[in-house]
N, C-alpha and C. Protein backbone atom coordinates (compact mmCIF):
# COMPACT_ATOMS: atom_id res chain seq x y z
N UNK A 1 1.94 95.91 27.60
CA UNK A 1 3.03 94.97 27.34
C UNK A 1 4.37 95.57 27.74
N UNK A 2 4.59 96.86 27.40
CA UNK A 2 5.89 97.44 27.73
C UNK A 2 6.08 97.54 29.23
N UNK A 3 5.01 97.80 29.97
CA UNK A 3 5.14 97.86 31.43
C UNK A 3 5.54 96.50 31.99
N UNK A 4 5.06 95.42 31.36
CA UNK A 4 5.47 94.08 31.79
C UNK A 4 6.98 93.93 31.62
N UNK A 5 7.50 94.38 30.48
CA UNK A 5 8.94 94.29 30.24
C UNK A 5 9.69 95.17 31.23
N UNK A 6 9.14 96.34 31.51
CA UNK A 6 9.78 97.26 32.44
C UNK A 6 9.87 96.66 33.83
N UNK A 7 8.79 96.05 34.27
CA UNK A 7 8.79 95.39 35.58
C UNK A 7 9.80 94.26 35.62
N UNK A 8 9.87 93.49 34.54
CA UNK A 8 10.82 92.38 34.49
C UNK A 8 12.25 92.88 34.59
N UNK A 9 12.57 93.92 33.83
CA UNK A 9 13.93 94.46 33.87
C UNK A 9 14.26 94.99 35.25
N UNK A 10 13.34 95.76 35.83
CA UNK A 10 13.61 96.33 37.15
C UNK A 10 13.84 95.27 38.20
N UNK A 11 13.05 94.21 38.15
CA UNK A 11 13.18 93.15 39.15
C UNK A 11 14.50 92.41 39.02
N UNK A 12 14.91 92.13 37.76
CA UNK A 12 16.13 91.35 37.59
C UNK A 12 17.37 92.20 37.82
N UNK A 13 17.35 93.46 37.41
CA UNK A 13 18.48 94.33 37.75
C UNK A 13 18.54 94.51 39.25
N UNK A 14 17.35 94.61 39.88
CA UNK A 14 17.29 94.67 41.34
C UNK A 14 18.01 93.48 41.94
N UNK A 15 17.74 92.30 41.39
CA UNK A 15 18.35 91.09 41.94
C UNK A 15 19.82 90.96 41.59
N UNK A 16 20.25 91.59 40.51
CA UNK A 16 21.60 91.37 40.05
C UNK A 16 22.53 92.53 40.24
N UNK A 17 22.24 93.41 41.16
CA UNK A 17 23.01 94.64 41.24
C UNK A 17 24.23 94.57 42.13
N UNK A 18 24.55 93.41 42.69
CA UNK A 18 25.66 93.33 43.63
C UNK A 18 26.50 92.10 43.33
N UNK A 19 27.82 92.24 43.35
CA UNK A 19 28.71 91.09 43.24
C UNK A 19 30.01 91.42 43.91
N UNK A 20 30.81 90.39 44.17
CA UNK A 20 32.09 90.62 44.82
C UNK A 20 32.96 91.54 43.98
N UNK A 21 32.83 91.44 42.66
CA UNK A 21 33.65 92.27 41.79
C UNK A 21 33.26 93.74 41.86
N UNK A 22 32.09 94.02 42.42
CA UNK A 22 31.60 95.39 42.49
C UNK A 22 32.05 96.12 43.75
N UNK A 23 32.88 95.49 44.57
CA UNK A 23 33.22 96.06 45.87
C UNK A 23 33.85 97.43 45.75
N UNK A 24 34.64 97.64 44.69
CA UNK A 24 35.33 98.91 44.53
C UNK A 24 34.59 99.84 43.57
N UNK A 25 33.39 99.48 43.18
CA UNK A 25 32.64 100.30 42.24
C UNK A 25 31.56 101.08 42.98
N UNK A 26 31.24 102.23 42.42
CA UNK A 26 30.20 103.05 43.01
C UNK A 26 28.82 102.55 42.64
N UNK A 27 27.78 103.12 43.23
CA UNK A 27 26.42 102.66 42.96
C UNK A 27 26.01 102.81 41.51
N UNK A 28 26.43 103.89 40.85
CA UNK A 28 26.10 104.08 39.44
C UNK A 28 26.71 102.98 38.60
N UNK A 29 27.97 102.66 38.85
CA UNK A 29 28.67 101.64 38.07
C UNK A 29 28.06 100.25 38.29
N UNK A 30 27.61 99.99 39.50
CA UNK A 30 26.99 98.70 39.80
C UNK A 30 25.72 98.51 38.96
N UNK A 31 24.85 99.50 38.96
CA UNK A 31 23.60 99.39 38.21
C UNK A 31 23.87 99.35 36.71
N UNK A 32 24.77 100.21 36.23
CA UNK A 32 25.07 100.25 34.80
C UNK A 32 25.68 98.93 34.33
N UNK A 33 26.59 98.38 35.10
CA UNK A 33 27.24 97.13 34.72
C UNK A 33 26.28 95.96 34.68
N UNK A 34 25.39 95.89 35.65
CA UNK A 34 24.42 94.80 35.69
C UNK A 34 23.43 94.91 34.53
N UNK A 35 23.01 96.12 34.22
CA UNK A 35 22.10 96.32 33.09
C UNK A 35 22.75 95.86 31.79
N UNK A 36 24.01 96.20 31.61
CA UNK A 36 24.73 95.81 30.40
C UNK A 36 24.83 94.29 30.28
N UNK A 37 25.13 93.62 31.39
CA UNK A 37 25.23 92.16 31.37
C UNK A 37 23.89 91.53 31.04
N UNK A 38 22.84 92.07 31.61
CA UNK A 38 21.51 91.53 31.38
C UNK A 38 21.09 91.69 29.92
N UNK A 39 21.38 92.84 29.32
CA UNK A 39 21.04 93.06 27.92
C UNK A 39 21.77 92.08 27.02
N UNK A 40 23.00 91.74 27.37
CA UNK A 40 23.78 90.76 26.60
C UNK A 40 23.12 89.38 26.67
N UNK A 41 22.68 88.99 27.86
CA UNK A 41 22.01 87.70 28.03
C UNK A 41 20.72 87.65 27.21
N UNK A 42 19.96 88.74 27.20
CA UNK A 42 18.71 88.80 26.44
C UNK A 42 18.98 88.65 24.95
N UNK A 43 19.98 89.37 24.46
CA UNK A 43 20.30 89.32 23.03
C UNK A 43 20.73 87.92 22.61
N UNK A 44 21.56 87.28 23.41
CA UNK A 44 22.01 85.93 23.09
C UNK A 44 20.86 84.93 23.13
N UNK A 45 19.89 85.17 24.02
CA UNK A 45 18.78 84.24 24.18
C UNK A 45 17.89 84.17 22.95
N UNK A 46 17.86 85.22 22.15
CA UNK A 46 17.01 85.22 20.97
C UNK A 46 17.38 84.09 20.00
N UNK A 47 18.61 83.63 20.07
CA UNK A 47 19.09 82.59 19.16
C UNK A 47 18.66 81.19 19.58
N UNK A 48 18.31 81.02 20.84
CA UNK A 48 18.03 79.66 21.30
C UNK A 48 16.74 79.49 22.11
N UNK A 49 16.12 80.59 22.53
CA UNK A 49 15.04 80.48 23.51
C UNK A 49 13.83 79.69 23.00
N UNK A 50 13.57 79.72 21.69
CA UNK A 50 12.41 78.99 21.17
C UNK A 50 12.57 77.49 21.36
N UNK A 51 13.80 76.99 21.22
CA UNK A 51 14.06 75.56 21.39
C UNK A 51 14.42 75.19 22.82
N UNK A 52 14.96 76.14 23.56
CA UNK A 52 15.46 75.82 24.90
C UNK A 52 15.14 76.96 25.87
N UNK A 53 13.86 77.17 26.19
CA UNK A 53 13.50 78.27 27.09
C UNK A 53 14.09 78.12 28.49
N UNK A 54 14.29 76.88 28.93
CA UNK A 54 14.85 76.68 30.26
C UNK A 54 16.25 77.25 30.37
N UNK A 55 16.99 77.22 29.27
CA UNK A 55 18.35 77.77 29.28
C UNK A 55 18.32 79.26 29.63
N UNK A 56 17.35 79.97 29.08
CA UNK A 56 17.25 81.40 29.39
C UNK A 56 16.91 81.62 30.85
N UNK A 57 15.95 80.85 31.35
CA UNK A 57 15.61 80.96 32.78
C UNK A 57 16.82 80.69 33.65
N UNK A 58 17.63 79.71 33.24
CA UNK A 58 18.82 79.37 34.00
C UNK A 58 19.83 80.51 33.99
N UNK A 59 19.93 81.20 32.85
CA UNK A 59 20.85 82.34 32.76
C UNK A 59 20.40 83.48 33.67
N UNK A 60 19.09 83.72 33.68
CA UNK A 60 18.56 84.75 34.57
C UNK A 60 18.80 84.35 36.03
N UNK A 61 18.58 83.09 36.33
CA UNK A 61 18.82 82.60 37.68
C UNK A 61 20.29 82.73 38.06
N UNK A 62 21.18 82.47 37.10
CA UNK A 62 22.61 82.58 37.37
C UNK A 62 22.97 84.00 37.81
N UNK A 63 22.45 84.99 37.10
CA UNK A 63 22.73 86.38 37.46
C UNK A 63 22.24 86.65 38.88
N UNK A 64 21.04 86.17 39.18
CA UNK A 64 20.48 86.40 40.51
C UNK A 64 21.28 85.69 41.59
N UNK A 65 21.54 84.39 41.35
CA UNK A 65 22.18 83.58 42.40
C UNK A 65 23.58 84.07 42.73
N UNK A 66 24.29 84.58 41.74
CA UNK A 66 25.67 84.97 41.96
C UNK A 66 25.81 86.26 42.75
N UNK A 67 24.78 87.10 42.72
CA UNK A 67 25.02 88.46 43.18
C UNK A 67 24.08 89.02 44.23
N UNK A 68 22.96 88.38 44.49
CA UNK A 68 21.99 89.01 45.38
C UNK A 68 21.91 88.31 46.73
N UNK A 69 21.72 89.09 47.76
CA UNK A 69 21.43 88.55 49.09
C UNK A 69 19.91 88.42 49.18
N UNK A 70 19.39 87.35 48.61
CA UNK A 70 17.95 87.18 48.54
C UNK A 70 17.34 87.01 49.92
N UNK A 71 18.10 86.46 50.85
CA UNK A 71 17.54 86.23 52.18
C UNK A 71 17.19 87.54 52.86
N UNK A 72 18.06 88.55 52.71
CA UNK A 72 17.77 89.85 53.31
C UNK A 72 16.52 90.47 52.70
N UNK A 73 16.41 90.36 51.37
CA UNK A 73 15.25 90.91 50.68
C UNK A 73 13.98 90.19 51.15
N UNK A 74 14.05 88.86 51.21
CA UNK A 74 12.88 88.08 51.62
C UNK A 74 12.48 88.40 53.06
N UNK A 75 13.46 88.56 53.93
CA UNK A 75 13.13 88.88 55.32
C UNK A 75 12.45 90.24 55.42
N UNK A 76 12.86 91.18 54.56
CA UNK A 76 12.18 92.47 54.52
C UNK A 76 10.73 92.33 54.10
N UNK A 77 10.48 91.47 53.12
CA UNK A 77 9.12 91.22 52.67
C UNK A 77 8.28 90.58 53.78
N UNK A 78 8.91 89.72 54.58
CA UNK A 78 8.20 89.05 55.67
C UNK A 78 7.85 90.01 56.81
N UNK A 79 8.39 91.22 56.79
CA UNK A 79 8.08 92.19 57.83
C UNK A 79 8.53 91.71 59.19
N UNK A 80 7.68 91.85 60.19
CA UNK A 80 8.08 91.48 61.55
C UNK A 80 8.39 89.99 61.67
N UNK A 81 7.79 89.17 60.80
CA UNK A 81 8.00 87.72 60.89
C UNK A 81 9.37 87.29 60.37
N UNK A 82 10.11 88.24 59.80
CA UNK A 82 11.47 87.95 59.38
C UNK A 82 12.48 88.83 60.08
N UNK A 83 12.04 89.55 61.11
CA UNK A 83 12.90 90.53 61.76
C UNK A 83 13.73 89.94 62.89
N UNK A 84 14.83 90.60 63.19
CA UNK A 84 15.68 90.19 64.31
C UNK A 84 14.93 90.31 65.63
N UNK A 85 14.14 91.38 65.76
CA UNK A 85 13.40 91.58 67.01
C UNK A 85 12.42 90.43 67.26
N UNK A 86 11.76 89.98 66.20
CA UNK A 86 10.81 88.87 66.35
C UNK A 86 11.55 87.60 66.74
N UNK A 87 12.70 87.36 66.11
CA UNK A 87 13.51 86.18 66.44
C UNK A 87 13.91 86.20 67.90
N UNK A 88 14.36 87.36 68.37
CA UNK A 88 14.82 87.46 69.76
C UNK A 88 13.68 87.35 70.76
N UNK A 89 12.45 87.58 70.30
CA UNK A 89 11.31 87.45 71.20
C UNK A 89 10.90 85.99 71.41
N UNK A 90 11.40 85.11 70.55
CA UNK A 90 11.06 83.70 70.66
C UNK A 90 11.84 83.07 71.81
N UNK A 91 11.16 82.30 72.64
CA UNK A 91 11.76 81.82 73.89
C UNK A 91 12.33 80.41 73.81
N UNK A 92 11.83 79.60 72.91
CA UNK A 92 12.26 78.21 72.89
C UNK A 92 13.15 77.92 71.69
N UNK A 93 13.96 76.89 71.83
CA UNK A 93 14.84 76.46 70.75
C UNK A 93 14.03 76.05 69.53
N UNK A 94 12.91 75.38 69.77
CA UNK A 94 12.06 74.92 68.68
C UNK A 94 11.48 76.10 67.89
N UNK A 95 11.06 77.15 68.60
CA UNK A 95 10.50 78.33 67.93
C UNK A 95 11.55 79.01 67.06
N UNK A 96 12.76 79.09 67.56
CA UNK A 96 13.83 79.74 66.79
C UNK A 96 14.24 78.90 65.58
N UNK A 97 14.23 77.60 65.75
CA UNK A 97 14.51 76.73 64.61
C UNK A 97 13.43 76.87 63.54
N UNK A 98 12.19 77.00 63.98
CA UNK A 98 11.08 77.19 63.04
C UNK A 98 11.22 78.52 62.31
N UNK A 99 11.64 79.56 63.02
CA UNK A 99 11.87 80.86 62.39
C UNK A 99 12.90 80.73 61.27
N UNK A 100 14.03 80.10 61.57
CA UNK A 100 15.09 79.96 60.56
C UNK A 100 14.61 79.15 59.36
N UNK A 101 13.85 78.10 59.64
CA UNK A 101 13.32 77.28 58.55
C UNK A 101 12.34 78.08 57.70
N UNK A 102 11.51 78.90 58.33
CA UNK A 102 10.56 79.73 57.58
C UNK A 102 11.29 80.69 56.65
N UNK A 103 12.35 81.30 57.14
CA UNK A 103 13.10 82.25 56.32
C UNK A 103 13.71 81.54 55.12
N UNK A 104 14.29 80.38 55.33
CA UNK A 104 14.90 79.63 54.23
C UNK A 104 13.86 79.23 53.19
N UNK A 105 12.74 78.72 53.65
CA UNK A 105 11.68 78.28 52.73
C UNK A 105 11.08 79.44 51.97
N UNK A 106 10.83 80.55 52.67
CA UNK A 106 10.23 81.68 51.98
C UNK A 106 11.21 82.29 50.98
N UNK A 107 12.48 82.35 51.34
CA UNK A 107 13.47 82.89 50.42
C UNK A 107 13.46 82.11 49.11
N UNK A 108 13.42 80.79 49.19
CA UNK A 108 13.40 79.97 47.97
C UNK A 108 12.13 80.21 47.17
N UNK A 109 10.98 80.20 47.83
CA UNK A 109 9.72 80.41 47.11
C UNK A 109 9.66 81.79 46.48
N UNK A 110 10.16 82.79 47.20
CA UNK A 110 10.13 84.16 46.70
C UNK A 110 11.01 84.30 45.47
N UNK A 111 12.23 83.77 45.54
CA UNK A 111 13.15 83.85 44.40
C UNK A 111 12.60 83.11 43.19
N UNK A 112 12.13 81.89 43.40
CA UNK A 112 11.58 81.11 42.29
C UNK A 112 10.39 81.83 41.66
N UNK A 113 9.56 82.44 42.49
CA UNK A 113 8.40 83.15 41.97
C UNK A 113 8.78 84.32 41.09
N UNK A 114 9.78 85.08 41.49
CA UNK A 114 10.23 86.21 40.69
C UNK A 114 10.74 85.75 39.34
N UNK A 115 11.59 84.72 39.35
CA UNK A 115 12.17 84.25 38.10
C UNK A 115 11.10 83.71 37.17
N UNK A 116 10.23 82.85 37.68
CA UNK A 116 9.22 82.22 36.84
C UNK A 116 8.20 83.22 36.31
N UNK A 117 7.93 84.27 37.07
CA UNK A 117 6.91 85.24 36.67
C UNK A 117 7.43 86.25 35.66
N UNK A 118 8.68 86.68 35.84
CA UNK A 118 9.14 87.83 35.07
C UNK A 118 10.21 87.55 34.03
N UNK A 119 10.83 86.38 34.02
CA UNK A 119 11.93 86.14 33.08
C UNK A 119 11.49 86.31 31.63
N UNK A 120 10.33 85.76 31.28
CA UNK A 120 9.87 85.84 29.90
C UNK A 120 9.65 87.28 29.46
N UNK A 121 9.24 88.13 30.39
CA UNK A 121 8.99 89.52 30.03
C UNK A 121 10.23 90.23 29.53
N UNK A 122 11.41 89.75 29.94
CA UNK A 122 12.65 90.38 29.51
C UNK A 122 12.87 90.26 28.01
N UNK A 123 12.35 89.19 27.41
CA UNK A 123 12.58 88.96 25.99
C UNK A 123 11.88 89.99 25.12
N UNK A 124 10.97 90.77 25.69
CA UNK A 124 10.30 91.80 24.91
C UNK A 124 11.16 93.00 24.61
N UNK A 125 12.29 93.12 25.32
CA UNK A 125 13.18 94.24 25.03
C UNK A 125 13.86 94.02 23.69
N UNK A 126 13.81 95.03 22.84
CA UNK A 126 14.36 94.90 21.49
C UNK A 126 15.05 96.20 21.10
N UNK A 127 16.23 96.40 21.66
CA UNK A 127 16.99 97.59 21.33
C UNK A 127 16.49 98.84 22.01
N UNK A 128 15.66 98.70 23.05
CA UNK A 128 15.20 99.88 23.77
C UNK A 128 16.39 100.61 24.38
N UNK A 129 16.39 101.91 24.26
CA UNK A 129 17.47 102.69 24.85
C UNK A 129 17.31 102.71 26.37
N UNK A 130 18.38 102.39 27.06
CA UNK A 130 18.39 102.39 28.52
C UNK A 130 19.54 103.27 28.98
N UNK A 131 19.24 104.22 29.82
CA UNK A 131 20.23 105.19 30.29
C UNK A 131 20.26 105.21 31.81
N UNK A 132 21.44 104.99 32.37
CA UNK A 132 21.63 105.11 33.81
C UNK A 132 22.19 106.50 34.08
N UNK A 133 21.43 107.31 34.77
CA UNK A 133 21.82 108.70 34.97
C UNK A 133 22.95 108.81 36.00
N UNK A 134 23.92 109.68 35.75
CA UNK A 134 25.01 109.85 36.71
C UNK A 134 24.52 110.47 38.00
N UNK A 135 25.21 110.15 39.07
CA UNK A 135 24.88 110.76 40.36
C UNK A 135 25.32 112.21 40.37
N UNK A 136 24.65 113.05 41.14
CA UNK A 136 25.11 114.43 41.30
C UNK A 136 26.53 114.46 41.85
N UNK A 137 27.28 115.46 41.47
CA UNK A 137 28.67 115.56 41.92
C UNK A 137 28.77 115.61 43.44
N UNK A 138 27.76 116.16 44.09
CA UNK A 138 27.79 116.28 45.55
C UNK A 138 26.95 115.21 46.24
N UNK A 139 26.71 114.09 45.57
CA UNK A 139 25.88 113.04 46.16
C UNK A 139 26.48 112.55 47.47
N UNK A 140 25.64 112.39 48.48
CA UNK A 140 26.07 111.90 49.79
C UNK A 140 26.11 110.37 49.75
N UNK A 141 27.31 109.81 49.83
CA UNK A 141 27.48 108.36 49.75
C UNK A 141 27.58 107.71 51.12
N UNK A 142 27.24 108.45 52.16
CA UNK A 142 27.38 107.91 53.51
C UNK A 142 26.18 107.04 53.93
N UNK A 143 25.09 107.15 53.19
CA UNK A 143 23.90 106.36 53.53
C UNK A 143 23.30 105.75 52.29
N UNK A 144 21.99 105.79 52.17
CA UNK A 144 21.31 105.25 50.99
C UNK A 144 21.47 106.20 49.81
N UNK A 145 21.61 105.61 48.63
CA UNK A 145 21.80 106.39 47.41
C UNK A 145 20.80 105.90 46.37
N UNK A 146 20.12 106.83 45.72
CA UNK A 146 19.19 106.48 44.66
C UNK A 146 19.83 106.65 43.30
N UNK A 147 19.83 105.60 42.50
CA UNK A 147 20.37 105.64 41.14
C UNK A 147 19.19 105.58 40.18
N UNK A 148 19.07 106.60 39.34
CA UNK A 148 17.94 106.69 38.42
C UNK A 148 18.30 106.10 37.06
N UNK A 149 17.34 105.38 36.50
CA UNK A 149 17.51 104.76 35.19
C UNK A 149 16.33 105.16 34.32
N UNK A 150 16.61 105.58 33.09
CA UNK A 150 15.55 105.90 32.14
C UNK A 150 15.49 104.83 31.06
N UNK A 151 14.28 104.34 30.79
CA UNK A 151 14.06 103.32 29.77
C UNK A 151 13.08 103.89 28.76
N UNK A 152 13.49 103.91 27.51
CA UNK A 152 12.69 104.54 26.46
C UNK A 152 11.85 103.48 25.75
N UNK A 153 10.56 103.78 25.64
CA UNK A 153 9.64 102.82 25.03
C UNK A 153 8.73 103.47 24.02
N UNK A 154 7.42 103.16 24.12
CA UNK A 154 6.48 103.60 23.10
C UNK A 154 5.98 105.02 23.33
N UNK A 155 6.26 105.60 24.48
CA UNK A 155 5.80 106.95 24.74
C UNK A 155 6.96 107.93 24.62
N UNK A 156 6.62 109.21 24.53
CA UNK A 156 7.66 110.22 24.28
C UNK A 156 8.64 110.34 25.44
N UNK A 157 8.12 110.39 26.66
CA UNK A 157 8.99 110.54 27.82
C UNK A 157 9.43 109.16 28.31
N UNK A 158 10.62 109.06 28.87
CA UNK A 158 11.11 107.75 29.32
C UNK A 158 10.39 107.28 30.58
N UNK A 159 10.39 105.98 30.77
CA UNK A 159 9.97 105.41 32.05
C UNK A 159 11.14 105.54 33.02
N UNK A 160 10.84 105.75 34.29
CA UNK A 160 11.91 105.92 35.27
C UNK A 160 11.90 104.80 36.30
N UNK A 161 13.08 104.25 36.52
CA UNK A 161 13.31 103.27 37.57
C UNK A 161 14.34 103.86 38.53
N UNK A 162 14.08 103.76 39.82
CA UNK A 162 15.02 104.26 40.82
C UNK A 162 15.46 103.09 41.69
N UNK A 163 16.76 102.84 41.69
CA UNK A 163 17.34 101.78 42.52
C UNK A 163 17.95 102.41 43.76
N UNK A 164 17.60 101.90 44.91
CA UNK A 164 18.16 102.39 46.17
C UNK A 164 19.23 101.43 46.64
N UNK A 165 20.46 101.95 46.80
CA UNK A 165 21.59 101.13 47.22
C UNK A 165 22.19 101.67 48.50
N UNK A 166 22.82 100.76 49.23
CA UNK A 166 23.50 101.13 50.46
C UNK A 166 24.68 100.17 50.66
N UNK A 167 25.76 100.66 51.23
CA UNK A 167 26.91 99.80 51.47
C UNK A 167 26.58 98.75 52.52
N UNK A 168 27.00 97.51 52.24
CA UNK A 168 26.90 96.46 53.23
C UNK A 168 28.11 96.49 54.14
N UNK A 169 28.16 95.58 55.09
CA UNK A 169 29.27 95.55 56.04
C UNK A 169 30.60 95.25 55.36
N UNK A 170 30.54 94.55 54.22
CA UNK A 170 31.77 94.21 53.51
C UNK A 170 32.21 95.30 52.54
N UNK A 171 31.48 96.40 52.50
CA UNK A 171 31.82 97.51 51.63
C UNK A 171 31.15 97.48 50.28
N UNK A 172 30.50 96.37 49.93
CA UNK A 172 29.79 96.28 48.65
C UNK A 172 28.55 97.17 48.68
N UNK A 173 28.23 97.74 47.53
CA UNK A 173 26.97 98.47 47.40
C UNK A 173 25.85 97.46 47.20
N UNK A 174 24.94 97.41 48.16
CA UNK A 174 23.84 96.46 48.14
C UNK A 174 22.55 97.17 47.74
N UNK A 175 21.86 96.59 46.78
CA UNK A 175 20.59 97.18 46.37
C UNK A 175 19.50 96.82 47.37
N UNK A 176 18.83 97.82 47.92
CA UNK A 176 17.84 97.61 48.98
C UNK A 176 16.40 97.67 48.48
N UNK A 177 16.17 98.37 47.38
CA UNK A 177 14.79 98.48 46.89
C UNK A 177 14.82 99.01 45.47
N UNK A 178 13.70 98.89 44.80
CA UNK A 178 13.55 99.45 43.45
C UNK A 178 12.15 100.04 43.33
N UNK A 179 12.08 101.20 42.71
CA UNK A 179 10.81 101.88 42.49
C UNK A 179 10.65 102.07 40.99
N UNK A 180 9.60 101.50 40.42
CA UNK A 180 9.37 101.54 38.98
C UNK A 180 8.14 102.39 38.70
N UNK A 181 8.37 103.56 38.10
CA UNK A 181 7.27 104.47 37.80
C UNK A 181 6.42 104.72 39.05
N UNK A 182 7.09 104.92 40.17
CA UNK A 182 6.40 105.19 41.42
C UNK A 182 5.94 103.97 42.18
N UNK A 183 6.13 102.78 41.61
CA UNK A 183 5.71 101.54 42.26
C UNK A 183 6.86 101.00 43.10
N UNK A 184 6.69 101.01 44.42
CA UNK A 184 7.70 100.54 45.36
C UNK A 184 7.54 99.02 45.51
N UNK A 185 8.45 98.28 44.86
CA UNK A 185 8.28 96.83 44.82
C UNK A 185 8.42 96.19 46.19
N UNK A 186 9.38 96.65 46.98
CA UNK A 186 9.55 96.09 48.31
C UNK A 186 8.29 96.23 49.15
N UNK A 187 7.67 97.40 49.07
CA UNK A 187 6.45 97.65 49.84
C UNK A 187 5.27 96.83 49.31
N UNK A 188 5.18 96.70 47.99
CA UNK A 188 4.11 95.90 47.39
C UNK A 188 4.15 94.47 47.92
N UNK A 189 5.35 93.87 47.91
CA UNK A 189 5.46 92.48 48.34
C UNK A 189 5.28 92.35 49.85
N UNK A 190 5.72 93.34 50.60
CA UNK A 190 5.51 93.30 52.05
C UNK A 190 4.02 93.36 52.37
N UNK A 191 3.30 94.22 51.67
CA UNK A 191 1.85 94.30 51.87
C UNK A 191 1.16 92.99 51.48
N UNK A 192 1.66 92.37 50.41
CA UNK A 192 1.09 91.09 49.98
C UNK A 192 1.29 90.03 51.06
N UNK A 193 2.47 90.02 51.68
CA UNK A 193 2.75 89.05 52.74
C UNK A 193 1.84 89.31 53.95
N UNK A 194 1.70 90.58 54.32
CA UNK A 194 0.86 90.93 55.46
C UNK A 194 -0.59 90.51 55.24
N UNK A 195 -1.08 90.73 54.02
CA UNK A 195 -2.44 90.32 53.69
C UNK A 195 -2.60 88.81 53.78
N UNK A 196 -1.57 88.08 53.32
CA UNK A 196 -1.63 86.62 53.37
C UNK A 196 -1.64 86.12 54.81
N UNK A 197 -0.90 86.79 55.69
CA UNK A 197 -0.90 86.40 57.10
C UNK A 197 -2.32 86.51 57.66
N UNK A 198 -3.01 87.58 57.32
CA UNK A 198 -4.39 87.74 57.78
C UNK A 198 -5.31 86.68 57.17
N UNK A 199 -5.11 86.40 55.89
CA UNK A 199 -5.93 85.41 55.20
C UNK A 199 -5.83 84.04 55.84
N UNK A 200 -4.61 83.68 56.25
CA UNK A 200 -4.37 82.35 56.84
C UNK A 200 -4.31 82.40 58.37
N UNK A 201 -4.94 83.43 58.95
CA UNK A 201 -5.07 83.52 60.41
C UNK A 201 -3.75 83.35 61.14
N UNK A 202 -2.71 83.98 60.59
CA UNK A 202 -1.41 83.97 61.26
C UNK A 202 -0.59 82.72 61.06
N UNK A 203 -1.05 81.80 60.22
CA UNK A 203 -0.31 80.56 59.97
C UNK A 203 0.77 80.83 58.93
N UNK A 204 2.00 81.07 59.38
CA UNK A 204 3.09 81.44 58.48
C UNK A 204 3.44 80.30 57.54
N UNK A 205 3.31 79.06 58.00
CA UNK A 205 3.56 77.92 57.11
C UNK A 205 2.66 77.98 55.88
N UNK A 206 1.39 78.28 56.09
CA UNK A 206 0.46 78.36 54.96
C UNK A 206 0.78 79.55 54.06
N UNK A 207 1.21 80.66 54.65
CA UNK A 207 1.59 81.82 53.85
C UNK A 207 2.72 81.45 52.91
N UNK A 208 3.73 80.78 53.45
CA UNK A 208 4.89 80.40 52.65
C UNK A 208 4.53 79.36 51.60
N UNK A 209 3.79 78.34 52.00
CA UNK A 209 3.45 77.25 51.08
C UNK A 209 2.58 77.72 49.93
N UNK A 210 1.78 78.76 50.16
CA UNK A 210 0.86 79.24 49.13
C UNK A 210 1.32 80.54 48.48
N UNK A 211 2.56 80.93 48.71
CA UNK A 211 3.06 82.20 48.18
C UNK A 211 3.17 82.16 46.66
N UNK A 212 2.66 83.19 46.03
CA UNK A 212 2.89 83.42 44.61
C UNK A 212 3.22 84.89 44.44
N UNK A 213 4.13 85.19 43.51
CA UNK A 213 4.46 86.57 43.23
C UNK A 213 3.23 87.27 42.68
N UNK A 214 3.02 88.52 43.07
CA UNK A 214 1.87 89.28 42.59
C UNK A 214 1.79 89.19 41.07
N UNK A 215 0.62 88.85 40.52
CA UNK A 215 0.50 88.71 39.07
C UNK A 215 0.95 89.96 38.34
N UNK A 216 1.46 89.78 37.13
CA UNK A 216 1.97 90.91 36.35
C UNK A 216 0.91 91.98 36.17
N UNK A 217 -0.35 91.54 35.93
CA UNK A 217 -1.39 92.53 35.67
C UNK A 217 -1.65 93.40 36.89
N UNK A 218 -1.49 92.83 38.09
CA UNK A 218 -1.66 93.61 39.31
C UNK A 218 -0.55 94.64 39.43
N UNK A 219 0.68 94.21 39.17
CA UNK A 219 1.81 95.12 39.25
C UNK A 219 1.71 96.22 38.20
N UNK A 220 1.31 95.83 36.99
CA UNK A 220 1.19 96.81 35.92
C UNK A 220 0.11 97.84 36.23
N UNK A 221 -1.01 97.39 36.79
CA UNK A 221 -2.09 98.31 37.14
C UNK A 221 -1.61 99.30 38.19
N UNK A 222 -0.83 98.81 39.15
CA UNK A 222 -0.32 99.69 40.19
C UNK A 222 0.67 100.69 39.64
N UNK A 223 1.32 100.33 38.54
CA UNK A 223 2.34 101.20 37.95
C UNK A 223 1.75 102.28 37.06
N UNK A 224 0.46 102.20 36.74
CA UNK A 224 -0.14 103.18 35.84
C UNK A 224 -0.27 104.54 36.50
C-alpha cells in the first residue's frame, strides 16, 4: 500500500514540478515547492473527498495542467513515433498531419490515465515525513540535475525518489524524469508503448486508443 502512495506522489510531483513562477528558482526549490503545494491539497481534500471525490481529482489535474509540458513527456514515451526525426522522415502533408494528431491524442490519454490511476493513492499520505535533500555545493547546473527526495514510511530507512531536471529554452527548470526506488518511470512507459506497437502490428491509432497506464500492481512489483 505504501508503495502505491509513493508512486502516486512521485508521478504527481513529476507532473507538477515546473511553473512560470519557478523561472528564477533552482531545481531543489522547484521540487520542494511543488511537494509542499501537493501536501496542502491532500490535507484539504480529507474534509470533502468522501462527498466530492471529483473535486480532488480536479485539484490534482489543476496542478498538472498549470505546470507540466505533458506533450514533451508523452512524445518521449512514444519513442521514435513521437520524435522529430520520425516527423521529418514523413513525406506527405497527410502523414505529418496524422503525426501531429497522434501526439495530441496520446498526450490526452496519457495524462488522463496518470490522474485516474494514481490520484486516489495520494490520499494515503498521513503526515509522512518528506525531505528534499539539498544539492551539493559544487553541483553542476549546466546540464541535467538530480534532486533526491526521501519519504519516510513503514520501514526504518526512507524511500528515495530522484527527480531529473534540466533548464528549458525559457530558463525554467523542467522535470525530465523520475526514478522511484530504482524504477525509471519514463523508461517503463516507453517500454509499454513499444510493446503495444508490436501487439497492434504497428497500428499507432490502436496503440493510442487502447492505452492504459501500467496498473499499480505492475509498477509496485517493479519497484520492489
